[in-house]
Amino acid sequence: MSKPAKADPAKANPPPFEEALQKLEAIVDAMESEDLPLETLIKRYEEGVKLAQACQAKLAEAELKISQLEKNAAGELKLKPLAADLTEE
């Protein structure tokens, strides 16, 4: 009997934005400056793509939070939560 595949802990708990960005920059620097074998380049590229996606997700989340905060601070309804849309007639 084979064991069920475990979830990737990196996917379940991505690193903080700053840490992911720092790792991504290190990967880019290494790929640009070192003479690496193809297999190593591919592994680093894959890791870089995952880190870039994590950074983009964190930025999108932050942008949404900022939009909601701006709406509340300005007192305008530029971005309404879904629940508010359902209760209004």
N, C-alpha and C. Protein backbone atom coordinates (compact mmCIF):
# COMPACT_ATOMS: atom_id res chain seq x y z
N MET A 1 0.83 -1.18 0.00
CA MET A 1 0.00 0.00 0.00
C MET A 1 0.88 1.25 0.00
N SER A 2 0.57 2.21 -0.83
CA SER A 2 1.37 3.43 -0.86
C SER A 2 0.80 4.47 0.08
N LYS A 3 1.71 5.28 0.60
CA LYS A 3 1.29 6.34 1.52
C LYS A 3 0.73 7.51 0.74
N PRO A 4 -0.28 8.20 1.27
CA PRO A 4 -0.80 9.37 0.56
C PRO A 4 0.25 10.47 0.54
N ALA A 5 0.25 11.22 -0.53
CA ALA A 5 1.22 12.31 -0.67
C ALA A 5 0.91 13.40 0.34
N LYS A 6 1.95 13.88 0.98
CA LYS A 6 1.78 14.96 1.96
C LYS A 6 1.76 16.29 1.24
N ALA A 7 1.03 17.23 1.80
CA ALA A 7 0.97 18.57 1.23
C ALA A 7 2.32 19.24 1.40
N ASP A 8 2.70 20.04 0.43
CA ASP A 8 3.95 20.78 0.48
C ASP A 8 3.84 21.86 1.55
N PRO A 9 4.70 21.82 2.60
CA PRO A 9 4.58 22.82 3.65
C PRO A 9 4.84 24.24 3.15
N ALA A 10 5.63 24.40 2.11
CA ALA A 10 5.90 25.73 1.57
C ALA A 10 4.63 26.34 0.98
N LYS A 11 3.77 25.49 0.37
CA LYS A 11 2.52 26.00 -0.20
C LYS A 11 1.53 26.36 0.90
N ALA A 12 1.49 25.55 1.94
CA ALA A 12 0.54 25.77 3.02
C ALA A 12 0.89 27.01 3.82
N ASN A 13 2.17 27.30 3.98
CA ASN A 13 2.60 28.42 4.79
C ASN A 13 3.71 29.17 4.07
N PRO A 14 3.37 30.04 3.12
CA PRO A 14 4.40 30.75 2.36
C PRO A 14 5.19 31.69 3.27
N PRO A 15 6.44 31.97 2.90
CA PRO A 15 7.26 32.86 3.73
C PRO A 15 6.72 34.28 3.71
N PRO A 16 7.11 35.09 4.70
CA PRO A 16 6.69 36.49 4.67
C PRO A 16 7.19 37.16 3.39
N PHE A 17 6.52 38.24 2.99
CA PHE A 17 6.83 38.90 1.73
C PHE A 17 8.30 39.27 1.62
N GLU A 18 8.84 39.91 2.64
CA GLU A 18 10.22 40.37 2.58
C GLU A 18 11.20 39.21 2.42
N GLU A 19 10.93 38.11 3.12
CA GLU A 19 11.80 36.94 3.02
C GLU A 19 11.71 36.32 1.63
N ALA A 20 10.50 36.21 1.10
CA ALA A 20 10.32 35.64 -0.24
C ALA A 20 11.01 36.51 -1.29
N LEU A 21 10.88 37.83 -1.15
CA LEU A 21 11.51 38.74 -2.11
C LEU A 21 13.03 38.64 -2.04
N GLN A 22 13.57 38.53 -0.84
CA GLN A 22 15.01 38.41 -0.65
C GLN A 22 15.53 37.11 -1.29
N LYS A 23 14.81 36.01 -1.07
CA LYS A 23 15.19 34.73 -1.68
C LYS A 23 15.11 34.82 -3.20
N LEU A 24 14.08 35.47 -3.71
CA LEU A 24 13.91 35.61 -5.15
C LEU A 24 15.07 36.40 -5.74
N GLU A 25 15.45 37.49 -5.09
CA GLU A 25 16.58 38.29 -5.57
C GLU A 25 17.87 37.48 -5.56
N ALA A 26 18.07 36.66 -4.52
CA ALA A 26 19.27 35.82 -4.44
C ALA A 26 19.30 34.80 -5.58
N ILE A 27 18.13 34.24 -5.89
CA ILE A 27 18.05 33.27 -6.99
C ILE A 27 18.40 33.94 -8.31
N VAL A 28 17.84 35.11 -8.55
CA VAL A 28 18.11 35.84 -9.79
C VAL A 28 19.60 36.16 -9.89
N ASP A 29 20.18 36.67 -8.82
CA ASP A 29 21.61 36.99 -8.82
C ASP A 29 22.46 35.76 -9.13
N ALA A 30 22.13 34.64 -8.49
CA ALA A 30 22.89 33.41 -8.70
C ALA A 30 22.75 32.93 -10.14
N MET A 31 21.55 33.01 -10.69
CA MET A 31 21.33 32.54 -12.06
C MET A 31 22.06 33.43 -13.06
N GLU A 32 22.15 34.72 -12.77
CA GLU A 32 22.82 35.65 -13.69
C GLU A 32 24.34 35.58 -13.59
N SER A 33 24.87 35.32 -12.41
CA SER A 33 26.30 35.44 -12.21
C SER A 33 27.06 34.11 -12.21
N GLU A 34 26.39 33.01 -11.91
CA GLU A 34 27.08 31.73 -11.81
C GLU A 34 26.89 30.91 -13.08
N ASP A 35 27.89 30.07 -13.33
CA ASP A 35 27.81 29.13 -14.44
C ASP A 35 27.26 27.83 -13.87
N LEU A 36 25.93 27.71 -13.88
CA LEU A 36 25.26 26.57 -13.25
C LEU A 36 24.83 25.54 -14.28
N PRO A 37 24.81 24.27 -13.87
CA PRO A 37 24.30 23.23 -14.77
C PRO A 37 22.81 23.45 -15.04
N LEU A 38 22.36 22.93 -16.15
CA LEU A 38 20.97 23.11 -16.57
C LEU A 38 19.98 22.65 -15.51
N GLU A 39 20.20 21.50 -14.91
CA GLU A 39 19.28 20.98 -13.89
C GLU A 39 19.17 21.94 -12.71
N THR A 40 20.28 22.52 -12.29
CA THR A 40 20.27 23.48 -11.18
C THR A 40 19.52 24.74 -11.57
N LEU A 41 19.74 25.20 -12.80
CA LEU A 41 19.02 26.38 -13.29
C LEU A 41 17.52 26.14 -13.30
N ILE A 42 17.11 24.97 -13.74
CA ILE A 42 15.68 24.65 -13.79
C ILE A 42 15.08 24.63 -12.39
N LYS A 43 15.78 24.00 -11.44
CA LYS A 43 15.28 23.95 -10.06
C LYS A 43 15.17 25.35 -9.46
N ARG A 44 16.17 26.18 -9.71
CA ARG A 44 16.13 27.55 -9.19
C ARG A 44 15.03 28.37 -9.87
N TYR A 45 14.83 28.14 -11.16
CA TYR A 45 13.76 28.84 -11.87
C TYR A 45 12.40 28.47 -11.27
N GLU A 46 12.19 27.16 -11.04
CA GLU A 46 10.92 26.71 -10.46
C GLU A 46 10.71 27.32 -9.08
N GLU A 47 11.75 27.35 -8.26
CA GLU A 47 11.65 27.96 -6.93
C GLU A 47 11.35 29.45 -7.05
N GLY A 48 11.99 30.11 -8.02
CA GLY A 48 11.76 31.53 -8.24
C GLY A 48 10.33 31.83 -8.66
N VAL A 49 9.76 30.98 -9.50
CA VAL A 49 8.37 31.17 -9.94
C VAL A 49 7.43 31.06 -8.75
N LYS A 50 7.65 30.07 -7.88
CA LYS A 50 6.81 29.90 -6.69
C LYS A 50 6.93 31.12 -5.77
N LEU A 51 8.15 31.61 -5.59
CA LEU A 51 8.35 32.78 -4.74
C LEU A 51 7.70 34.02 -5.35
N ALA A 52 7.81 34.17 -6.67
CA ALA A 52 7.19 35.32 -7.34
C ALA A 52 5.66 35.27 -7.19
N GLN A 53 5.08 34.09 -7.31
CA GLN A 53 3.63 33.94 -7.13
C GLN A 53 3.22 34.28 -5.70
N ALA A 54 4.03 33.86 -4.73
CA ALA A 54 3.73 34.17 -3.33
C ALA A 54 3.80 35.67 -3.10
N CYS A 55 4.80 36.32 -3.69
CA CYS A 55 4.93 37.78 -3.55
C CYS A 55 3.75 38.49 -4.20
N GLN A 56 3.35 38.05 -5.37
CA GLN A 56 2.21 38.67 -6.06
C GLN A 56 0.93 38.51 -5.25
N ALA A 57 0.74 37.35 -4.65
CA ALA A 57 -0.46 37.12 -3.83
C ALA A 57 -0.46 38.04 -2.61
N LYS A 58 0.70 38.18 -1.97
CA LYS A 58 0.80 39.06 -0.80
C LYS A 58 0.53 40.51 -1.20
N LEU A 59 1.06 40.94 -2.35
CA LEU A 59 0.83 42.31 -2.81
C LEU A 59 -0.64 42.55 -3.14
N ALA A 60 -1.29 41.58 -3.76
CA ALA A 60 -2.72 41.72 -4.08
C ALA A 60 -3.55 41.82 -2.80
N GLU A 61 -3.18 41.01 -1.81
CA GLU A 61 -3.88 41.05 -0.53
C GLU A 61 -3.68 42.41 0.15
N ALA A 62 -2.47 42.92 0.11
CA ALA A 62 -2.18 44.22 0.71
C ALA A 62 -2.93 45.34 -0.01
N GLU A 63 -2.99 45.25 -1.34
CA GLU A 63 -3.70 46.26 -2.13
C GLU A 63 -5.18 46.29 -1.77
N LEU A 64 -5.78 45.12 -1.60
CA LEU A 64 -7.18 45.04 -1.22
C LEU A 64 -7.40 45.66 0.16
N LYS A 65 -6.54 45.35 1.10
CA LYS A 65 -6.66 45.91 2.45
C LYS A 65 -6.52 47.42 2.42
N ILE A 66 -5.58 47.93 1.63
CA ILE A 66 -5.37 49.38 1.53
C ILE A 66 -6.60 50.04 0.92
N SER A 67 -7.17 49.42 -0.10
CA SER A 67 -8.38 49.96 -0.73
C SER A 67 -9.51 50.05 0.28
N GLN A 68 -9.67 49.04 1.09
CA GLN A 68 -10.73 49.04 2.10
C GLN A 68 -10.46 50.09 3.16
N LEU A 69 -9.20 50.25 3.56
CA LEU A 69 -8.85 51.26 4.55
C LEU A 69 -9.08 52.66 3.99
N GLU A 70 -8.72 52.89 2.74
CA GLU A 70 -8.94 54.20 2.12
C GLU A 70 -10.43 54.52 2.08
N LYS A 71 -11.23 53.52 1.76
CA LYS A 71 -12.68 53.73 1.71
C LYS A 71 -13.20 54.14 3.08
N ASN A 72 -12.76 53.46 4.11
CA ASN A 72 -13.24 53.75 5.45
C ASN A 72 -12.75 55.12 5.92
N ALA A 73 -11.50 55.45 5.67
CA ALA A 73 -10.93 56.71 6.12
C ALA A 73 -11.57 57.89 5.39
N ALA A 74 -11.86 57.73 4.10
CA ALA A 74 -12.45 58.81 3.32
C ALA A 74 -13.96 58.89 3.53
N GLY A 75 -14.55 57.84 4.05
CA GLY A 75 -15.98 57.83 4.26
C GLY A 75 -16.77 57.61 2.98
N GLU A 76 -16.10 57.18 1.93
CA GLU A 76 -16.78 56.93 0.65
C GLU A 76 -16.89 55.42 0.44
N LEU A 77 -17.88 55.03 -0.34
CA LEU A 77 -18.09 53.62 -0.62
C LEU A 77 -17.54 53.26 -2.00
N LYS A 78 -16.23 53.31 -2.15
CA LYS A 78 -15.60 52.94 -3.41
C LYS A 78 -15.52 51.42 -3.56
N LEU A 79 -15.31 50.73 -2.46
CA LEU A 79 -15.21 49.28 -2.47
C LEU A 79 -16.09 48.73 -1.36
N LYS A 80 -17.19 48.09 -1.75
CA LYS A 80 -18.13 47.59 -0.75
C LYS A 80 -17.92 46.10 -0.55
N PRO A 81 -18.01 45.63 0.69
CA PRO A 81 -17.97 44.19 0.91
C PRO A 81 -19.20 43.53 0.31
N LEU A 82 -19.10 42.28 -0.05
CA LEU A 82 -20.20 41.55 -0.68
C LEU A 82 -21.42 41.51 0.22
N ALA A 83 -21.25 41.36 1.49
CA ALA A 83 -22.39 41.29 2.43
C ALA A 83 -23.21 42.57 2.39
N ALA A 84 -22.58 43.72 2.24
CA ALA A 84 -23.30 44.99 2.19
C ALA A 84 -24.15 45.08 0.92
N ASP A 85 -23.64 44.52 -0.17
CA ASP A 85 -24.38 44.54 -1.44
C ASP A 85 -25.66 43.71 -1.33
N LEU A 86 -25.61 42.62 -0.58
CA LEU A 86 -26.76 41.73 -0.48
C LEU A 86 -27.85 42.31 0.42
N THR A 87 -27.48 43.15 1.39
CA THR A 87 -28.49 43.67 2.31
C THR A 87 -29.14 44.95 1.83
N GLU A 88 -28.51 45.63 0.86
CA GLU A 88 -29.08 46.87 0.34
C GLU A 88 -30.13 46.56 -0.72
N GLU A 89 -31.12 47.44 -0.83
CA GLU A 89 -32.16 47.22 -1.85
C GLU A 89 -32.13 48.35 -2.86
